[in-house]
Amino acid sequence: MTIISKESGENGMNESKEWLLKELKAVEDWEKSQSDLWFWEKLGRLPFKLLDKWTPDFIQKKIGTLLDELGQYIQTGGRYLSSVSNIPNYYPLLDVQTLDQVKELPVSTMDAAVEKIANNRKKLATVQGASTGIGGVFTLTVDIPLLLSLQLKTLQDIAICYGYDPNSKEERLFVVKCLQFVSSDIVGKQAILAQLSQFDGPNAASKREVLSELQGWREVVFSYRDQFGWKKLFQMIPIAGLVFGAFINRSAVNDIAEAGNMLYRKRRLIERLGQYNP
């Protein structure tokens, strides 16, 4: 996970404009660095496209269930919804109970909470990937939904750490766009970044555009699945899949945590900078 400077100015919450601009530049540099992934992502889609021809019916049903669950998450949160009541667990050394209190914290404090969440989720993903990798192709059908659930949970908890409420439908849209960002090729990443850059803008049309894009949210799941093509291919080998599963799932959660950290952090930094230019 990318390490960002934790110096937030001499007065804690009173982050200097220079510090905020420097940290925003770091996020923008990270966004530009995502442009070198196209070839490998394209390669990663091939095995699953080929394997679709021989995919058993019970696996296809699992994929269909996954599609329905993601649609329900966008609408209501479903069983994946994180609760803001967990805020005290994210900031155990502070008297912080509500999102309004979280919003007043220094960005560096938010960063520290997100880093702890990311580390814990990577450990959990490692164990999960190892356990579901033992059975090869048969347990792979269990692994993909579990990994999606873990990634959604991680993104929502990161949102809460930066003061955003996943109970809001707009924030659930943002979460799914983050998920889609990680699974997209370079062209898709650029389009998503353009959308998300306007997410908190005064023009409501920008959010309607995001909603319009998600009318085809099934593509999110398929691109998500395809991204693991050549990686998950090795996990289909019984027993040996334990090692591959542990590594792949840890890497997947690391990627989603890094993207969530950067994209939510950018929103908070821009909001803080707005206080200098009302």
Protein backbone atom coordinates (compact mmCIF):
# COMPACT_ATOMS: atom_id res chain seq x y z
CA MET A 1 0.00 0.00 0.00
CA THR A 2 1.37 3.42 -0.91
CA ILE A 3 2.80 5.31 2.04
CA ILE A 4 1.88 8.98 2.24
CA SER A 5 3.41 11.66 4.42
CA LYS A 6 1.76 11.87 7.83
CA GLU A 7 2.91 15.41 8.62
CA SER A 8 -0.26 17.46 8.81
CA GLY A 9 1.04 20.80 9.88
CA GLU A 10 2.04 22.20 13.24
CA ASN A 11 -1.48 22.59 14.58
CA GLY A 12 -2.95 19.14 13.94
CA MET A 13 -6.34 19.86 12.44
CA ASN A 14 -5.09 23.19 11.09
CA GLU A 15 -3.38 21.62 8.12
CA SER A 16 -1.55 24.18 6.05
CA LYS A 17 -2.65 24.84 2.50
CA GLU A 18 0.84 23.88 1.34
CA TRP A 19 0.62 20.50 3.06
CA LEU A 20 -2.81 19.80 1.61
CA LEU A 21 -1.62 20.69 -1.89
CA LYS A 22 1.44 18.47 -1.51
CA GLU A 23 -0.67 15.51 -0.40
CA LEU A 24 -3.19 16.10 -3.20
CA LYS A 25 -0.30 16.08 -5.68
CA ALA A 26 0.80 12.70 -4.24
CA VAL A 27 -2.67 11.27 -4.91
CA GLU A 28 -2.70 12.67 -8.45
CA ASP A 29 0.73 11.13 -9.10
CA TRP A 30 -0.68 7.79 -7.95
CA GLU A 31 -3.59 8.18 -10.36
CA LYS A 32 -1.16 8.74 -13.22
CA SER A 33 0.82 5.66 -12.20
CA GLN A 34 -2.23 3.48 -12.82
CA SER A 35 -1.78 3.91 -16.59
CA ASP A 36 0.85 1.16 -16.88
CA LEU A 37 -1.46 -1.78 -16.10
CA TRP A 38 -3.29 -2.19 -19.41
CA PHE A 39 -1.34 -5.10 -20.91
CA TRP A 40 -1.49 -7.33 -17.85
CA GLU A 41 -5.15 -6.60 -17.23
CA LYS A 42 -5.92 -7.43 -20.86
CA LEU A 43 -3.96 -10.67 -20.54
CA GLY A 44 -5.77 -11.49 -17.32
CA ARG A 45 -9.15 -11.55 -19.03
CA LEU A 46 -8.28 -14.33 -21.49
CA PRO A 47 -8.44 -17.51 -19.36
CA PHE A 48 -11.90 -16.82 -17.94
CA LYS A 49 -13.25 -15.99 -21.39
CA LEU A 50 -11.99 -19.35 -22.61
CA LEU A 51 -13.16 -21.20 -19.51
CA ASP A 52 -16.68 -19.78 -19.86
CA LYS A 53 -17.27 -22.32 -22.63
CA TRP A 54 -16.81 -25.18 -20.14
CA THR A 55 -18.18 -23.52 -17.01
CA PRO A 56 -20.59 -25.89 -15.17
CA ASP A 57 -24.14 -24.72 -14.52
CA PHE A 58 -23.64 -24.51 -10.75
CA ILE A 59 -20.81 -22.01 -11.23
CA GLN A 60 -22.93 -19.93 -13.61
CA LYS A 61 -25.66 -19.85 -10.95
CA LYS A 62 -23.14 -18.62 -8.40
CA ILE A 63 -22.18 -15.80 -10.76
CA GLY A 64 -25.85 -14.92 -11.26
CA THR A 65 -26.36 -14.77 -7.49
CA LEU A 66 -23.33 -12.51 -7.23
CA LEU A 67 -24.81 -10.13 -9.81
CA ASP A 68 -28.09 -9.93 -7.90
CA GLU A 69 -26.31 -9.30 -4.61
CA LEU A 70 -24.28 -6.43 -6.03
CA GLY A 71 -27.44 -4.89 -7.47
CA GLN A 72 -29.08 -5.14 -4.06
CA TYR A 73 -26.04 -3.55 -2.45
CA ILE A 74 -26.31 -0.50 -4.72
CA GLN A 75 -30.00 -0.11 -3.89
CA THR A 76 -30.11 -0.85 -0.16
CA GLY A 77 -26.70 -1.98 1.04
CA GLY A 78 -28.03 -5.48 1.61
CA ARG A 79 -25.94 -7.75 3.79
CA TYR A 80 -22.75 -5.96 2.81
CA LEU A 81 -23.56 -2.62 4.45
CA SER A 82 -21.09 -1.39 7.07
CA SER A 83 -22.34 0.46 10.13
CA VAL A 84 -21.15 3.84 11.34
CA SER A 85 -21.57 2.45 14.87
CA ASN A 86 -18.11 0.93 14.37
CA ILE A 87 -16.48 4.38 14.45
CA PRO A 88 -15.18 3.99 18.04
CA ASN A 89 -13.37 0.82 16.92
CA TYR A 90 -11.53 2.76 14.22
CA TYR A 91 -10.44 5.48 16.65
CA PRO A 92 -10.07 3.65 20.01
CA LEU A 93 -7.80 6.27 21.54
CA LEU A 94 -10.10 9.18 20.70
CA ASP A 95 -13.55 10.18 21.90
CA VAL A 96 -15.07 9.95 18.43
CA GLN A 97 -18.62 8.59 18.07
CA THR A 98 -20.17 10.20 14.98
CA LEU A 99 -19.32 10.95 11.36
CA ASP A 100 -19.48 14.68 12.09
CA GLN A 101 -16.72 14.19 14.66
CA VAL A 102 -14.70 12.12 12.19
CA LYS A 103 -14.90 14.92 9.63
CA GLU A 104 -13.14 17.23 12.07
CA LEU A 105 -10.14 14.94 12.57
CA PRO A 106 -6.78 15.65 10.92
CA VAL A 107 -6.33 13.83 7.63
CA SER A 108 -3.22 12.14 9.06
CA THR A 109 -5.36 10.61 11.82
CA MET A 110 -7.79 9.31 9.21
CA ASP A 111 -4.84 7.87 7.25
CA ALA A 112 -3.61 5.96 10.30
CA ALA A 113 -7.05 4.40 10.87
CA VAL A 114 -7.27 3.35 7.22
CA GLU A 115 -3.81 1.80 7.33
CA LYS A 116 -4.81 -0.38 10.30
CA ILE A 117 -7.98 -1.50 8.52
CA ALA A 118 -6.02 -2.32 5.35
CA ASN A 119 -3.45 -4.39 7.24
CA ASN A 120 -6.14 -6.34 9.10
CA ARG A 121 -8.11 -7.03 5.93
CA LYS A 122 -5.01 -8.21 4.07
CA LYS A 123 -4.35 -10.74 6.82
CA LEU A 124 -7.96 -11.91 6.64
CA ALA A 125 -7.78 -12.17 2.84
CA THR A 126 -4.63 -14.27 3.10
CA VAL A 127 -6.32 -16.78 5.40
CA GLN A 128 -9.48 -16.79 3.29
CA GLY A 129 -7.60 -17.33 0.04
CA ALA A 130 -5.60 -20.18 1.52
CA SER A 131 -8.65 -21.95 2.92
CA THR A 132 -10.68 -21.66 -0.30
CA GLY A 133 -7.66 -22.54 -2.45
CA ILE A 134 -7.33 -26.03 -1.00
CA GLY A 135 -10.18 -27.49 -3.05
CA GLY A 136 -9.19 -26.06 -6.43
CA VAL A 137 -11.94 -25.19 -8.93
CA PHE A 138 -14.76 -26.31 -6.62
CA THR A 139 -13.92 -23.95 -3.78
CA LEU A 140 -13.12 -21.17 -6.27
CA THR A 141 -16.87 -20.67 -6.66
CA VAL A 142 -16.99 -19.86 -2.95
CA ASP A 143 -13.86 -17.73 -2.98
CA ILE A 144 -14.97 -15.12 -5.55
CA PRO A 145 -18.15 -14.05 -3.66
CA LEU A 146 -16.26 -14.01 -0.35
CA LEU A 147 -13.52 -11.86 -1.81
CA LEU A 148 -16.03 -9.45 -3.31
CA SER A 149 -17.73 -9.18 0.09
CA LEU A 150 -14.41 -8.47 1.80
CA GLN A 151 -13.49 -5.80 -0.73
CA LEU A 152 -16.87 -4.05 -0.41
CA LYS A 153 -16.55 -4.12 3.38
CA THR A 154 -13.02 -2.71 3.20
CA LEU A 155 -14.06 0.16 0.92
CA GLN A 156 -17.02 1.07 3.14
CA ASP A 157 -14.89 1.08 6.27
CA ILE A 158 -12.36 3.32 4.53
CA ALA A 159 -15.22 5.64 3.60
CA ILE A 160 -16.29 5.84 7.25
CA CYS A 161 -12.72 6.57 8.36
CA TYR A 162 -12.69 9.59 6.06
CA GLY A 163 -16.11 10.75 7.27
CA TYR A 164 -18.40 9.43 4.51
CA ASP A 165 -21.56 7.45 5.22
CA PRO A 166 -22.04 4.18 3.28
CA ASN A 167 -25.72 4.28 4.28
CA SER A 168 -26.05 6.97 1.61
CA LYS A 169 -26.86 5.57 -1.82
CA GLU A 170 -24.50 8.08 -3.40
CA GLU A 171 -21.65 6.69 -1.29
CA ARG A 172 -22.54 3.14 -2.29
CA LEU A 173 -22.26 4.29 -5.90
CA PHE A 174 -18.82 5.69 -5.11
CA VAL A 175 -17.80 2.39 -3.48
CA VAL A 176 -18.81 0.38 -6.56
CA LYS A 177 -16.99 2.84 -8.84
CA CYS A 178 -13.86 2.27 -6.73
CA LEU A 179 -14.32 -1.46 -7.21
CA GLN A 180 -14.81 -0.94 -10.93
CA PHE A 181 -11.71 1.27 -11.07
CA VAL A 182 -9.47 -1.51 -9.78
CA SER A 183 -10.95 -3.98 -12.28
CA SER A 184 -10.81 -1.69 -15.33
CA ASP A 185 -8.22 -1.25 -18.05
CA ILE A 186 -6.46 2.08 -18.61
CA VAL A 187 -9.30 3.58 -20.66
CA GLY A 188 -11.85 2.59 -18.04
CA LYS A 189 -9.70 3.95 -15.23
CA GLN A 190 -9.40 7.33 -16.93
CA ALA A 191 -13.17 7.52 -17.46
CA ILE A 192 -13.89 6.60 -13.83
CA LEU A 193 -11.39 9.14 -12.49
CA ALA A 194 -13.05 11.82 -14.63
CA GLN A 195 -16.44 10.91 -13.15
CA LEU A 196 -15.27 10.73 -9.56
CA SER A 197 -13.44 14.05 -9.83
CA GLN A 198 -16.87 15.68 -10.22
CA PHE A 199 -18.61 13.55 -7.61
CA ASP A 200 -18.72 16.24 -4.93
CA GLY A 201 -19.18 19.12 -7.35
CA PRO A 202 -22.11 21.55 -7.11
CA ASN A 203 -23.54 20.24 -10.37
CA ALA A 204 -25.86 17.33 -9.57
CA ALA A 205 -25.60 16.14 -13.17
CA SER A 206 -22.19 14.67 -12.38
CA LYS A 207 -23.76 12.24 -9.91
CA ARG A 208 -26.54 11.42 -12.35
CA GLU A 209 -23.83 10.49 -14.85
CA VAL A 210 -22.29 8.09 -12.34
CA LEU A 211 -25.70 6.58 -11.70
CA SER A 212 -26.29 6.25 -15.43
CA GLU A 213 -22.98 4.45 -15.84
CA LEU A 214 -23.97 1.99 -13.13
CA GLN A 215 -27.16 0.99 -14.90
CA GLY A 216 -24.85 -1.54 -16.51
CA TRP A 217 -23.42 -2.59 -13.15
CA ARG A 218 -23.26 -6.22 -14.28
CA GLU A 219 -20.14 -5.23 -16.16
CA VAL A 220 -18.54 -4.46 -12.82
CA VAL A 221 -18.81 -8.07 -11.71
CA PHE A 222 -17.67 -9.50 -15.02
CA SER A 223 -14.66 -7.17 -15.21
CA TYR A 224 -13.96 -8.00 -11.56
CA ARG A 225 -14.05 -11.71 -12.33
CA ASP A 226 -12.03 -11.37 -15.53
CA GLN A 227 -9.30 -9.43 -13.73
CA PHE A 228 -8.35 -12.58 -11.84
CA GLY A 229 -8.23 -14.75 -14.98
CA TRP A 230 -4.66 -15.95 -15.25
CA LYS A 231 -4.08 -15.46 -11.51
CA LYS A 232 -7.03 -17.57 -10.37
CA LEU A 233 -6.17 -20.18 -13.00
CA PHE A 234 -3.36 -21.37 -10.71
CA GLN A 235 -5.71 -21.46 -7.73
CA MET A 236 -7.77 -24.12 -9.52
CA ILE A 237 -5.04 -26.68 -8.78
CA PRO A 238 -6.06 -28.57 -5.61
CA ILE A 239 -3.71 -28.18 -2.61
CA ALA A 240 -1.29 -25.95 -4.57
CA GLY A 241 -4.19 -23.50 -4.79
CA LEU A 242 -3.69 -22.85 -1.08
CA VAL A 243 -0.49 -20.90 -1.75
CA PHE A 244 -1.80 -19.15 -4.86
CA GLY A 245 -5.12 -18.33 -3.17
CA ALA A 246 -3.45 -16.75 -0.17
CA PHE A 247 -1.19 -14.58 -2.32
CA ILE A 248 -3.85 -13.58 -4.85
CA ASN A 249 -6.49 -12.62 -2.30
CA ARG A 250 -4.01 -10.63 -0.24
CA SER A 251 -2.93 -8.78 -3.37
CA ALA A 252 -6.54 -8.14 -4.39
CA VAL A 253 -7.46 -6.62 -1.03
CA ASN A 254 -4.25 -4.60 -1.01
CA ASP A 255 -5.17 -3.12 -4.42
CA ILE A 256 -8.72 -2.24 -3.39
CA ALA A 257 -7.56 -0.76 -0.07
CA GLU A 258 -4.97 1.37 -1.85
CA ALA A 259 -7.51 2.62 -4.39
CA GLY A 260 -10.09 3.34 -1.71
CA ASN A 261 -7.53 5.13 0.41
CA MET A 262 -6.38 7.32 -2.45
CA LEU A 263 -9.80 8.14 -3.89
CA TYR A 264 -11.48 8.90 -0.56
CA ARG A 265 -8.42 10.74 0.69
CA LYS A 266 -8.48 12.92 -2.41
CA ARG A 267 -12.09 13.93 -1.69
CA ARG A 268 -11.23 14.88 1.88
CA LEU A 269 -8.12 16.84 0.85
CA ILE A 270 -10.08 18.79 -1.78
CA GLU A 271 -12.77 19.57 0.78
CA ARG A 272 -10.16 20.87 3.23
CA LEU A 273 -8.57 22.99 0.51
CA GLY A 274 -12.02 24.43 -0.19
CA GLN A 275 -11.92 25.95 3.28
CA TYR A 276 -9.04 28.14 2.11
CA ASN A 277 -10.98 29.22 -0.98
CA PRO A 278 -14.62 29.62 0.09
